[in-house]
């Protein structure tokens, strides 16, 4: 691009790895020229390029809530729908 972006947010950490490779191929530096942020905090995100900054999902909380909701639905199949929001966690590392 004539004017490259300051940052790239990737849907998941594997995509951030590809973005890092493309940015290096373009001769740009991370995070000085372009910051990278992934999503899902995979194990590999800790070890690539000094660590990929990422958004971590509270997977254990998600599992606990899903089990609880399923058990309630098993007892009462006509129970009201629920909307549940969980707070993800920003994990800053080398790429931002």
PDB file of N, CA and C in Angstrom:
ATOM      1  N   UNK A   1       0.826  -1.190   0.000  1.00  0.00           N
ATOM      2  CA  UNK A   1       0.000   0.000   0.000  1.00  0.00           C
ATOM      3  C   UNK A   1       0.871   1.254   0.000  1.00  0.00           C
ATOM      4  N   UNK A   2       0.366   2.275  -0.614  1.00  0.00           N
ATOM      5  CA  UNK A   2       1.085   3.542  -0.618  1.00  0.00           C
ATOM      6  C   UNK A   2       1.275   4.056   0.815  1.00  0.00           C
ATOM      7  N   UNK A   3       0.218   3.977   1.602  1.00  0.00           N
ATOM      8  CA  UNK A   3       0.293   4.318   3.025  1.00  0.00           C
ATOM      9  C   UNK A   3      -0.093   3.070   3.813  1.00  0.00           C
ATOM     10  N   UNK A   4       0.892   2.335   4.333  1.00  0.00           N
ATOM     11  CA  UNK A   4       0.576   1.093   5.047  1.00  0.00           C
ATOM     12  C   UNK A   4      -0.116   1.365   6.381  1.00  0.00           C
ATOM     13  N   UNK A   5      -0.852   0.403   6.883  1.00  0.00           N
ATOM     14  CA  UNK A   5      -1.531   0.587   8.171  1.00  0.00           C
ATOM     15  C   UNK A   5      -0.511   0.622   9.317  1.00  0.00           C
ATOM     16  N   UNK A   6      -0.922   1.157  10.440  1.00  0.00           N
ATOM     17  CA  UNK A   6      -0.081   1.182  11.638  1.00  0.00           C
ATOM     18  C   UNK A   6      -0.138  -0.141  12.384  1.00  0.00           C
ATOM     19  N   UNK A   7      -1.238  -0.873  12.185  1.00  0.00           N
ATOM     20  CA  UNK A   7      -1.432  -2.123  12.918  1.00  0.00           C
ATOM     21  C   UNK A   7      -2.342  -3.055  12.128  1.00  0.00           C
ATOM     22  N   UNK A   8      -2.228  -4.351  12.448  1.00  0.00           N
ATOM     23  CA  UNK A   8      -3.074  -5.368  11.841  1.00  0.00           C
ATOM     24  C   UNK A   8      -3.641  -6.232  12.960  1.00  0.00           C
ATOM     25  N   UNK A   9      -4.970  -6.395  12.976  1.00  0.00           N
ATOM     26  CA  UNK A   9      -5.617  -7.289  13.927  1.00  0.00           C
ATOM     27  C   UNK A   9      -6.013  -8.552  13.174  1.00  0.00           C
ATOM     28  N   UNK A  10      -5.536  -9.692  13.646  1.00  0.00           N
ATOM     29  CA  UNK A  10      -5.785 -10.967  12.974  1.00  0.00           C
ATOM     30  C   UNK A  10      -6.839 -11.768  13.735  1.00  0.00           C
ATOM     31  N   UNK A  11      -7.669 -12.499  13.000  1.00  0.00           N
ATOM     32  CA  UNK A  11      -8.745 -13.286  13.601  1.00  0.00           C
ATOM     33  C   UNK A  11      -8.235 -14.365  14.543  1.00  0.00           C
ATOM     34  N   UNK A  12      -7.038 -14.831  14.315  1.00  0.00           N
ATOM     35  CA  UNK A  12      -6.451 -15.842  15.195  1.00  0.00           C
ATOM     36  C   UNK A  12      -4.933 -15.768  15.067  1.00  0.00           C
ATOM     37  N   UNK A  13      -4.239 -16.368  16.028  1.00  0.00           N
ATOM     38  CA  UNK A  13      -2.779 -16.254  16.090  1.00  0.00           C
ATOM     39  C   UNK A  13      -2.081 -16.859  14.875  1.00  0.00           C
ATOM     40  N   UNK A  14      -2.601 -17.926  14.310  1.00  0.00           N
ATOM     41  CA  UNK A  14      -1.984 -18.524  13.117  1.00  0.00           C
ATOM     42  C   UNK A  14      -1.974 -17.515  11.972  1.00  0.00           C
ATOM     43  N   UNK A  15      -3.029 -16.739  11.850  1.00  0.00           N
ATOM     44  CA  UNK A  15      -3.082 -15.716  10.812  1.00  0.00           C
ATOM     45  C   UNK A  15      -2.049 -14.625  11.101  1.00  0.00           C
ATOM     46  N   UNK A  16      -1.827 -14.320  12.373  1.00  0.00           N
ATOM     47  CA  UNK A  16      -0.824 -13.325  12.745  1.00  0.00           C
ATOM     48  C   UNK A  16       0.572 -13.787  12.322  1.00  0.00           C
ATOM     49  N   UNK A  17       0.838 -15.076  12.401  1.00  0.00           N
ATOM     50  CA  UNK A  17       2.129 -15.614  11.960  1.00  0.00           C
ATOM     51  C   UNK A  17       2.324 -15.351  10.468  1.00  0.00           C
ATOM     52  N   UNK A  18       1.295 -15.567   9.688  1.00  0.00           N
ATOM     53  CA  UNK A  18       1.365 -15.263   8.257  1.00  0.00           C
ATOM     54  C   UNK A  18       1.552 -13.780   8.001  1.00  0.00           C
ATOM     55  N   UNK A  19       0.890 -12.941   8.789  1.00  0.00           N
ATOM     56  CA  UNK A  19       1.042 -11.495   8.634  1.00  0.00           C
ATOM     57  C   UNK A  19       2.472 -11.065   8.956  1.00  0.00           C
ATOM     58  N   UNK A  20       3.060 -11.670   9.983  1.00  0.00           N
ATOM     59  CA  UNK A  20       4.446 -11.363  10.345  1.00  0.00           C
ATOM     60  C   UNK A  20       5.376 -11.692   9.175  1.00  0.00           C
ATOM     61  N   UNK A  21       5.177 -12.845   8.565  1.00  0.00           N
ATOM     62  CA  UNK A  21       6.022 -13.239   7.419  1.00  0.00           C
ATOM     63  C   UNK A  21       5.860 -12.248   6.270  1.00  0.00           C
ATOM     64  N   UNK A  22       4.640 -11.863   5.961  1.00  0.00           N
ATOM     65  CA  UNK A  22       4.392 -10.929   4.858  1.00  0.00           C
ATOM     66  C   UNK A  22       4.995  -9.554   5.144  1.00  0.00           C
ATOM     67  N   UNK A  23       4.898  -9.120   6.384  1.00  0.00           N
ATOM     68  CA  UNK A  23       5.452  -7.814   6.755  1.00  0.00           C
ATOM     69  C   UNK A  23       6.975  -7.837   6.643  1.00  0.00           C
ATOM     70  N   UNK A  24       7.593  -8.923   7.084  1.00  0.00           N
ATOM     71  CA  UNK A  24       9.056  -9.043   6.943  1.00  0.00           C
ATOM     72  C   UNK A  24       9.459  -9.078   5.467  1.00  0.00           C
ATOM     73  N   UNK A  25       8.694  -9.789   4.637  1.00  0.00           N
ATOM     74  CA  UNK A  25       8.987  -9.845   3.197  1.00  0.00           C
ATOM     75  C   UNK A  25       8.910  -8.461   2.554  1.00  0.00           C
ATOM     76  N   UNK A  26       8.047  -7.614   3.102  1.00  0.00           N
ATOM     77  CA  UNK A  26       7.902  -6.253   2.575  1.00  0.00           C
ATOM     78  C   UNK A  26       9.002  -5.322   3.094  1.00  0.00           C
ATOM     79  N   UNK A  27       9.886  -5.861   3.946  1.00  0.00           N
ATOM     80  CA  UNK A  27      10.990  -5.062   4.467  1.00  0.00           C
ATOM     81  C   UNK A  27      10.615  -4.159   5.622  1.00  0.00           C
ATOM     82  N   UNK A  28       9.479  -4.440   6.251  1.00  0.00           N
ATOM     83  CA  UNK A  28       9.030  -3.622   7.383  1.00  0.00           C
ATOM     84  C   UNK A  28       9.362  -4.306   8.700  1.00  0.00           C
ATOM     85  N   UNK A  29       9.396  -3.512   9.759  1.00  0.00           N
ATOM     86  CA  UNK A  29       9.738  -4.031  11.091  1.00  0.00           C
ATOM     87  C   UNK A  29       8.507  -4.070  11.987  1.00  0.00           C
ATOM     88  N   UNK A  30       8.492  -5.067  12.851  1.00  0.00           N
ATOM     89  CA  UNK A  30       7.406  -5.244  13.819  1.00  0.00           C
ATOM     90  C   UNK A  30       8.000  -5.029  15.199  1.00  0.00           C
ATOM     91  N   UNK A  31       7.490  -4.244  16.039  1.00  0.00           N
ATOM     92  CA  UNK A  31       6.308  -3.388  15.937  1.00  0.00           C
ATOM     93  C   UNK A  31       6.602  -1.959  15.477  1.00  0.00           C
ATOM     94  N   UNK A  32       7.850  -1.639  15.135  1.00  0.00           N
ATOM     95  CA  UNK A  32       8.212  -0.261  14.810  1.00  0.00           C
ATOM     96  C   UNK A  32       7.398   0.300  13.643  1.00  0.00           C
ATOM     97  N   UNK A  33       7.230  -0.498  12.575  1.00  0.00           N
ATOM     98  CA  UNK A  33       6.486  -0.027  11.407  1.00  0.00           C
ATOM     99  C   UNK A  33       5.016  -0.432  11.456  1.00  0.00           C
ATOM    100  N   UNK A  34       4.768  -1.662  11.835  1.00  0.00           N
ATOM    101  CA  UNK A  34       3.398  -2.184  11.910  1.00  0.00           C
ATOM    102  C   UNK A  34       3.292  -3.078  13.134  1.00  0.00           C
ATOM    103  N   UNK A  35       2.276  -2.828  13.943  1.00  0.00           N
ATOM    104  CA  UNK A  35       2.002  -3.678  15.101  1.00  0.00           C
ATOM    105  C   UNK A  35       1.087  -4.819  14.664  1.00  0.00           C
ATOM    106  N   UNK A  36       1.219  -5.967  15.338  1.00  0.00           N
ATOM    107  CA  UNK A  36       0.391  -7.141  15.023  1.00  0.00           C
ATOM    108  C   UNK A  36      -0.306  -7.588  16.306  1.00  0.00           C
ATOM    109  N   UNK A  37      -1.591  -7.865  16.195  1.00  0.00           N
ATOM    110  CA  UNK A  37      -2.352  -8.409  17.316  1.00  0.00           C
ATOM    111  C   UNK A  37      -3.123  -9.625  16.834  1.00  0.00           C
ATOM    112  N   UNK A  38      -2.935 -10.742  17.512  1.00  0.00           N
ATOM    113  CA  UNK A  38      -3.659 -11.962  17.178  1.00  0.00           C
ATOM    114  C   UNK A  38      -4.845 -12.156  18.110  1.00  0.00           C
ATOM    115  N   UNK A  39      -5.459 -13.317  18.007  1.00  0.00           N
ATOM    116  CA  UNK A  39      -6.611 -13.635  18.858  1.00  0.00           C
ATOM    117  C   UNK A  39      -6.595 -15.127  19.145  1.00  0.00           C
ATOM    118  N   UNK A  40      -6.649 -15.504  20.358  1.00  0.00           N
ATOM    119  CA  UNK A  40      -6.865 -16.846  20.921  1.00  0.00           C
ATOM    120  C   UNK A  40      -5.719 -17.364  21.777  1.00  0.00           C
ATOM    121  N   UNK A  41      -4.596 -16.662  21.822  1.00  0.00           N
ATOM    122  CA  UNK A  41      -3.462 -17.007  22.684  1.00  0.00           C
ATOM    123  C   UNK A  41      -3.054 -18.472  22.579  1.00  0.00           C
ATOM    124  N   UNK A  42      -2.770 -18.909  21.377  1.00  0.00           N
ATOM    125  CA  UNK A  42      -2.263 -20.267  21.197  1.00  0.00           C
ATOM    126  C   UNK A  42      -0.865 -20.373  21.789  1.00  0.00           C
ATOM    127  N   UNK A  43      -0.443 -21.575  22.082  1.00  0.00           N
ATOM    128  CA  UNK A  43       0.878 -21.791  22.671  1.00  0.00           C
ATOM    129  C   UNK A  43       1.975 -21.196  21.808  1.00  0.00           C
ATOM    130  N   UNK A  44       1.868 -21.353  20.500  1.00  0.00           N
ATOM    131  CA  UNK A  44       2.907 -20.858  19.591  1.00  0.00           C
ATOM    132  C   UNK A  44       3.034 -19.336  19.652  1.00  0.00           C
ATOM    133  N   UNK A  45       1.983 -18.630  20.041  1.00  0.00           N
ATOM    134  CA  UNK A  45       2.021 -17.165  20.098  1.00  0.00           C
ATOM    135  C   UNK A  45       3.060 -16.665  21.096  1.00  0.00           C
ATOM    136  N   UNK A  46       3.407 -17.486  22.062  1.00  0.00           N
ATOM    137  CA  UNK A  46       4.396 -17.088  23.068  1.00  0.00           C
ATOM    138  C   UNK A  46       5.817 -17.133  22.534  1.00  0.00           C
ATOM    139  N   UNK A  47       6.044 -17.901  21.474  1.00  0.00           N
ATOM    140  CA  UNK A  47       7.408 -18.176  21.039  1.00  0.00           C
ATOM    141  C   UNK A  47       7.788 -17.587  19.687  1.00  0.00           C
ATOM    142  N   UNK A  48       6.841 -17.100  18.932  1.00  0.00           N
ATOM    143  CA  UNK A  48       7.123 -16.521  17.616  1.00  0.00           C
ATOM    144  C   UNK A  48       7.569 -15.065  17.783  1.00  0.00           C
ATOM    145  N   UNK A  49       8.708 -14.726  17.192  1.00  0.00           N
ATOM    146  CA  UNK A  49       9.178 -13.329  17.157  1.00  0.00           C
ATOM    147  C   UNK A  49       9.153 -12.643  18.522  1.00  0.00           C
ATOM    148  N   UNK A  50       9.520 -13.338  19.585  1.00  0.00           N
ATOM    149  CA  UNK A  50       9.494 -12.739  20.918  1.00  0.00           C
ATOM    150  C   UNK A  50       8.098 -12.694  21.507  1.00  0.00           C
ATOM    151  N   UNK A  51       7.177 -13.310  20.856  1.00  0.00           N
ATOM    152  CA  UNK A  51       5.797 -13.388  21.341  1.00  0.00           C
ATOM    153  C   UNK A  51       4.865 -12.492  20.550  1.00  0.00           C
ATOM    154  N   UNK A  52       3.734 -13.059  20.165  1.00  0.00           N
ATOM    155  CA  UNK A  52       2.707 -12.302  19.453  1.00  0.00           C
ATOM    156  C   UNK A  52       1.740 -11.732  20.478  1.00  0.00           C
ATOM    157  N   UNK A  53       1.525 -10.424  20.434  1.00  0.00           N
ATOM    158  CA  UNK A  53       0.486  -9.833  21.269  1.00  0.00           C
ATOM    159  C   UNK A  53      -0.841 -10.426  20.817  1.00  0.00           C
ATOM    160  N   UNK A  54      -1.693 -10.743  21.773  1.00  0.00           N
ATOM    161  CA  UNK A  54      -2.910 -11.470  21.437  1.00  0.00           C
ATOM    162  C   UNK A  54      -4.023 -11.169  22.427  1.00  0.00           C
ATOM    163  N   UNK A  55      -5.203 -11.594  22.079  1.00  0.00           N
ATOM    164  CA  UNK A  55      -6.344 -11.526  22.973  1.00  0.00           C
ATOM    165  C   UNK A  55      -6.632 -12.959  23.412  1.00  0.00           C
ATOM    166  N   UNK A  56      -6.580 -13.198  24.713  1.00  0.00           N
ATOM    167  CA  UNK A  56      -6.830 -14.534  25.244  1.00  0.00           C
ATOM    168  C   UNK A  56      -8.273 -14.678  25.676  1.00  0.00           C
ATOM    169  N   UNK A  57      -8.895 -15.746  25.268  1.00  0.00           N
ATOM    170  CA  UNK A  57     -10.263 -16.040  25.691  1.00  0.00           C
ATOM    171  C   UNK A  57     -10.228 -16.871  26.968  1.00  0.00           C
ATOM    172  N   UNK A  58     -11.178 -16.644  27.861  1.00  0.00           N
ATOM    173  CA  UNK A  58     -11.224 -17.417  29.103  1.00  0.00           C
ATOM    174  C   UNK A  58     -11.843 -18.801  28.861  1.00  0.00           C
ATOM    175  N   UNK A  59     -11.058 -19.707  28.243  1.00  0.00           N
ATOM    176  CA  UNK A  59     -11.591 -20.995  27.816  1.00  0.00           C
ATOM    177  C   UNK A  59     -12.166 -21.818  28.969  1.00  0.00           C
ATOM    178  N   UNK A  60     -11.515 -21.828  30.126  1.00  0.00           N
ATOM    179  CA  UNK A  60     -12.035 -22.609  31.247  1.00  0.00           C
ATOM    180  C   UNK A  60     -13.397 -22.075  31.671  1.00  0.00           C
ATOM    181  N   UNK A  61     -13.544 -20.761  31.751  1.00  0.00           N
ATOM    182  CA  UNK A  61     -14.836 -20.170  32.092  1.00  0.00           C
ATOM    183  C   UNK A  61     -15.880 -20.522  31.038  1.00  0.00           C
ATOM    184  N   UNK A  62     -15.482 -20.509  29.769  1.00  0.00           N
ATOM    185  CA  UNK A  62     -16.412 -20.851  28.694  1.00  0.00           C
ATOM    186  C   UNK A  62     -16.920 -22.285  28.846  1.00  0.00           C
ATOM    187  N   UNK A  63     -16.023 -23.187  29.169  1.00  0.00           N
ATOM    188  CA  UNK A  63     -16.389 -24.596  29.337  1.00  0.00           C
ATOM    189  C   UNK A  63     -17.316 -24.756  30.534  1.00  0.00           C
ATOM    190  N   UNK A  64     -16.957 -24.130  31.672  1.00  0.00           N
ATOM    191  CA  UNK A  64     -17.781 -24.236  32.881  1.00  0.00           C
ATOM    192  C   UNK A  64     -19.193 -23.705  32.641  1.00  0.00           C
ATOM    193  N   UNK A  65     -19.292 -22.576  31.963  1.00  0.00           N
ATOM    194  CA  UNK A  65     -20.605 -21.982  31.685  1.00  0.00           C
ATOM    195  C   UNK A  65     -21.391 -22.851  30.714  1.00  0.00           C
ATOM    196  N   UNK A  66     -20.735 -23.363  29.691  1.00  0.00           N
ATOM    197  CA  UNK A  66     -21.426 -24.217  28.715  1.00  0.00           C
ATOM    198  C   UNK A  66     -21.998 -25.455  29.392  1.00  0.00           C
ATOM    199  N   UNK A  67     -21.236 -26.072  30.275  1.00  0.00           N
ATOM    200  CA  UNK A  67     -21.725 -27.259  30.990  1.00  0.00           C
ATOM    201  C   UNK A  67     -22.911 -26.884  31.864  1.00  0.00           C
ATOM    202  N   UNK A  68     -22.804 -25.781  32.565  1.00  0.00           N
ATOM    203  CA  UNK A  68     -23.897 -25.328  33.431  1.00  0.00           C
ATOM    204  C   UNK A  68     -25.177 -25.076  32.630  1.00  0.00           C
ATOM    205  N   UNK A  69     -25.051 -24.404  31.498  1.00  0.00           N
ATOM    206  CA  UNK A  69     -26.215 -24.114  30.654  1.00  0.00           C
ATOM    207  C   UNK A  69     -26.824 -25.411  30.125  1.00  0.00           C
ATOM    208  N   UNK A  70     -26.001 -26.347  29.682  1.00  0.00           N
ATOM    209  CA  UNK A  70     -26.505 -27.618  29.169  1.00  0.00           C
ATOM    210  C   UNK A  70     -27.229 -28.417  30.252  1.00  0.00           C
ATOM    211  N   UNK A  71     -26.686 -28.420  31.446  1.00  0.00           N
ATOM    212  CA  UNK A  71     -27.345 -29.138  32.550  1.00  0.00           C
ATOM    213  C   UNK A  71     -28.689 -28.506  32.896  1.00  0.00           C
ATOM    214  N   UNK A  72     -28.777 -27.179  32.885  1.00  0.00           N
ATOM    215  CA  UNK A  72     -30.054 -26.491  33.135  1.00  0.00           C
ATOM    216  C   UNK A  72     -31.054 -26.796  32.027  1.00  0.00           C
ATOM    217  N   UNK A  73     -30.571 -26.811  30.782  1.00  0.00           N
ATOM    218  CA  UNK A  73     -31.461 -27.107  29.644  1.00  0.00           C
ATOM    219  C   UNK A  73     -31.964 -28.540  29.690  1.00  0.00           C
ATOM    220  N   UNK A  74     -31.144 -29.451  30.208  1.00  0.00           N
ATOM    221  CA  UNK A  74     -31.561 -30.835  30.321  1.00  0.00           C
ATOM    222  C   UNK A  74     -32.718 -30.963  31.303  1.00  0.00           C
ATOM    223  N   UNK A  75     -32.690 -30.182  32.370  1.00  0.00           N
ATOM    224  CA  UNK A  75     -33.768 -30.203  33.374  1.00  0.00           C
ATOM    225  C   UNK A  75     -35.020 -29.480  32.893  1.00  0.00           C
ATOM    226  N   UNK A  76     -34.820 -28.415  32.133  1.00  0.00           N
ATOM    227  CA  UNK A  76     -35.950 -27.614  31.673  1.00  0.00           C
ATOM    228  C   UNK A  76     -35.705 -27.195  30.234  1.00  0.00           C
ATOM    229  N   UNK A  77     -36.227 -27.982  29.302  1.00  0.00           N
ATOM    230  CA  UNK A  77     -35.980 -27.725  27.870  1.00  0.00           C
ATOM    231  C   UNK A  77     -36.618 -26.426  27.383  1.00  0.00           C
ATOM    232  N   UNK A  78     -37.548 -25.888  28.126  1.00  0.00           N
ATOM    233  CA  UNK A  78     -38.207 -24.646  27.719  1.00  0.00           C
ATOM    234  C   UNK A  78     -37.618 -23.425  28.426  1.00  0.00           C
ATOM    235  N   UNK A  79     -36.468 -23.576  28.998  1.00  0.00           N
ATOM    236  CA  UNK A  79     -35.851 -22.454  29.698  1.00  0.00           C
ATOM    237  C   UNK A  79     -35.533 -21.327  28.714  1.00  0.00           C
ATOM    238  N   UNK A  80     -35.535 -20.126  29.233  1.00  0.00           N
ATOM    239  CA  UNK A  80     -35.308 -18.940  28.399  1.00  0.00           C
ATOM    240  C   UNK A  80     -33.878 -18.942  27.849  1.00  0.00           C
ATOM    241  N   UNK A  81     -33.760 -18.363  26.678  1.00  0.00           N
ATOM    242  CA  UNK A  81     -32.423 -18.209  26.106  1.00  0.00           C
ATOM    243  C   UNK A  81     -31.618 -17.258  26.976  1.00  0.00           C
ATOM    244  N   UNK A  82     -30.321 -17.473  26.975  1.00  0.00           N
ATOM    245  CA  UNK A  82     -29.432 -16.635  27.761  1.00  0.00           C
ATOM    246  C   UNK A  82     -28.395 -15.986  26.868  1.00  0.00           C
ATOM    247  N   UNK A  83     -27.996 -14.804  27.237  1.00  0.00           N
ATOM    248  CA  UNK A  83     -26.868 -14.164  26.586  1.00  0.00           C
ATOM    249  C   UNK A  83     -25.801 -13.984  27.659  1.00  0.00           C
ATOM    250  N   UNK A  84     -24.650 -14.558  27.425  1.00  0.00           N
ATOM    251  CA  UNK A  84     -23.574 -14.547  28.411  1.00  0.00           C
ATOM    252  C   UNK A  84     -22.366 -13.875  27.791  1.00  0.00           C
ATOM    253  N   UNK A  85     -21.811 -12.918  28.516  1.00  0.00           N
ATOM    254  CA  UNK A  85     -20.622 -12.209  28.036  1.00  0.00           C
ATOM    255  C   UNK A  85     -19.451 -12.512  28.970  1.00  0.00           C
ATOM    256  N   UNK A  86     -18.334 -12.837  28.368  1.00  0.00           N
ATOM    257  CA  UNK A  86     -17.113 -13.079  29.132  1.00  0.00           C
ATOM    258  C   UNK A  86     -16.082 -12.040  28.731  1.00  0.00           C
ATOM    259  N   UNK A  87     -15.203 -11.713  29.645  1.00  0.00           N
ATOM    260  CA  UNK A  87     -14.199 -10.695  29.382  1.00  0.00           C
ATOM    261  C   UNK A  87     -12.901 -11.337  28.893  1.00  0.00           C
ATOM    262  N   UNK A  88     -12.510 -11.049  27.645  1.00  0.00           N
ATOM    263  CA  UNK A  88     -11.225 -11.549  27.162  1.00  0.00           C
ATOM    264  C   UNK A  88     -10.093 -10.751  27.803  1.00  0.00           C
ATOM    265  N   UNK A  89      -8.873 -11.220  27.627  1.00  0.00           N
ATOM    266  CA  UNK A  89      -7.719 -10.585  28.260  1.00  0.00           C
ATOM    267  C   UNK A  89      -6.677 -10.219  27.206  1.00  0.00           C
ATOM    268  N   UNK A  90      -6.241  -8.964  27.231  1.00  0.00           N
ATOM    269  CA  UNK A  90      -5.171  -8.524  26.352  1.00  0.00           C
ATOM    270  C   UNK A  90      -3.852  -9.037  26.906  1.00  0.00           C
ATOM    271  N   UNK A  91      -3.066  -9.685  26.051  1.00  0.00           N
ATOM    272  CA  UNK A  91      -1.763 -10.213  26.435  1.00  0.00           C
ATOM    273  C   UNK A  91      -0.714  -9.539  25.553  1.00  0.00           C
ATOM    274  N   UNK A  92      -0.145  -8.431  26.041  1.00  0.00           N
ATOM    275  CA  UNK A  92       0.848  -7.717  25.234  1.00  0.00           C
ATOM    276  C   UNK A  92       2.174  -8.453  25.199  1.00  0.00           C
ATOM    277  N   UNK A  93       2.746  -8.528  24.006  1.00  0.00           N
ATOM    278  CA  UNK A  93       4.064  -9.141  23.817  1.00  0.00           C
ATOM    279  C   UNK A  93       4.854  -8.279  22.831  1.00  0.00           C
ATOM    280  N   UNK A  94       5.770  -8.854  22.133  1.00  0.00           N
ATOM    281  CA  UNK A  94       6.716  -8.124  21.292  1.00  0.00           C
ATOM    282  C   UNK A  94       6.071  -7.417  20.089  1.00  0.00           C
ATOM    283  N   UNK A  95       4.961  -7.876  19.585  1.00  0.00           N
ATOM    284  CA  UNK A  95       4.459  -7.374  18.294  1.00  0.00           C
ATOM    285  C   UNK A  95       3.608  -6.111  18.390  1.00  0.00           C
ATOM    286  N   UNK A  96       3.459  -5.568  19.584  1.00  0.00           N
ATOM    287  CA  UNK A  96       2.709  -4.293  19.712  1.00  0.00           C
ATOM    288  C   UNK A  96       3.514  -3.280  20.492  1.00  0.00           C
TER     289      UNK A  96
END
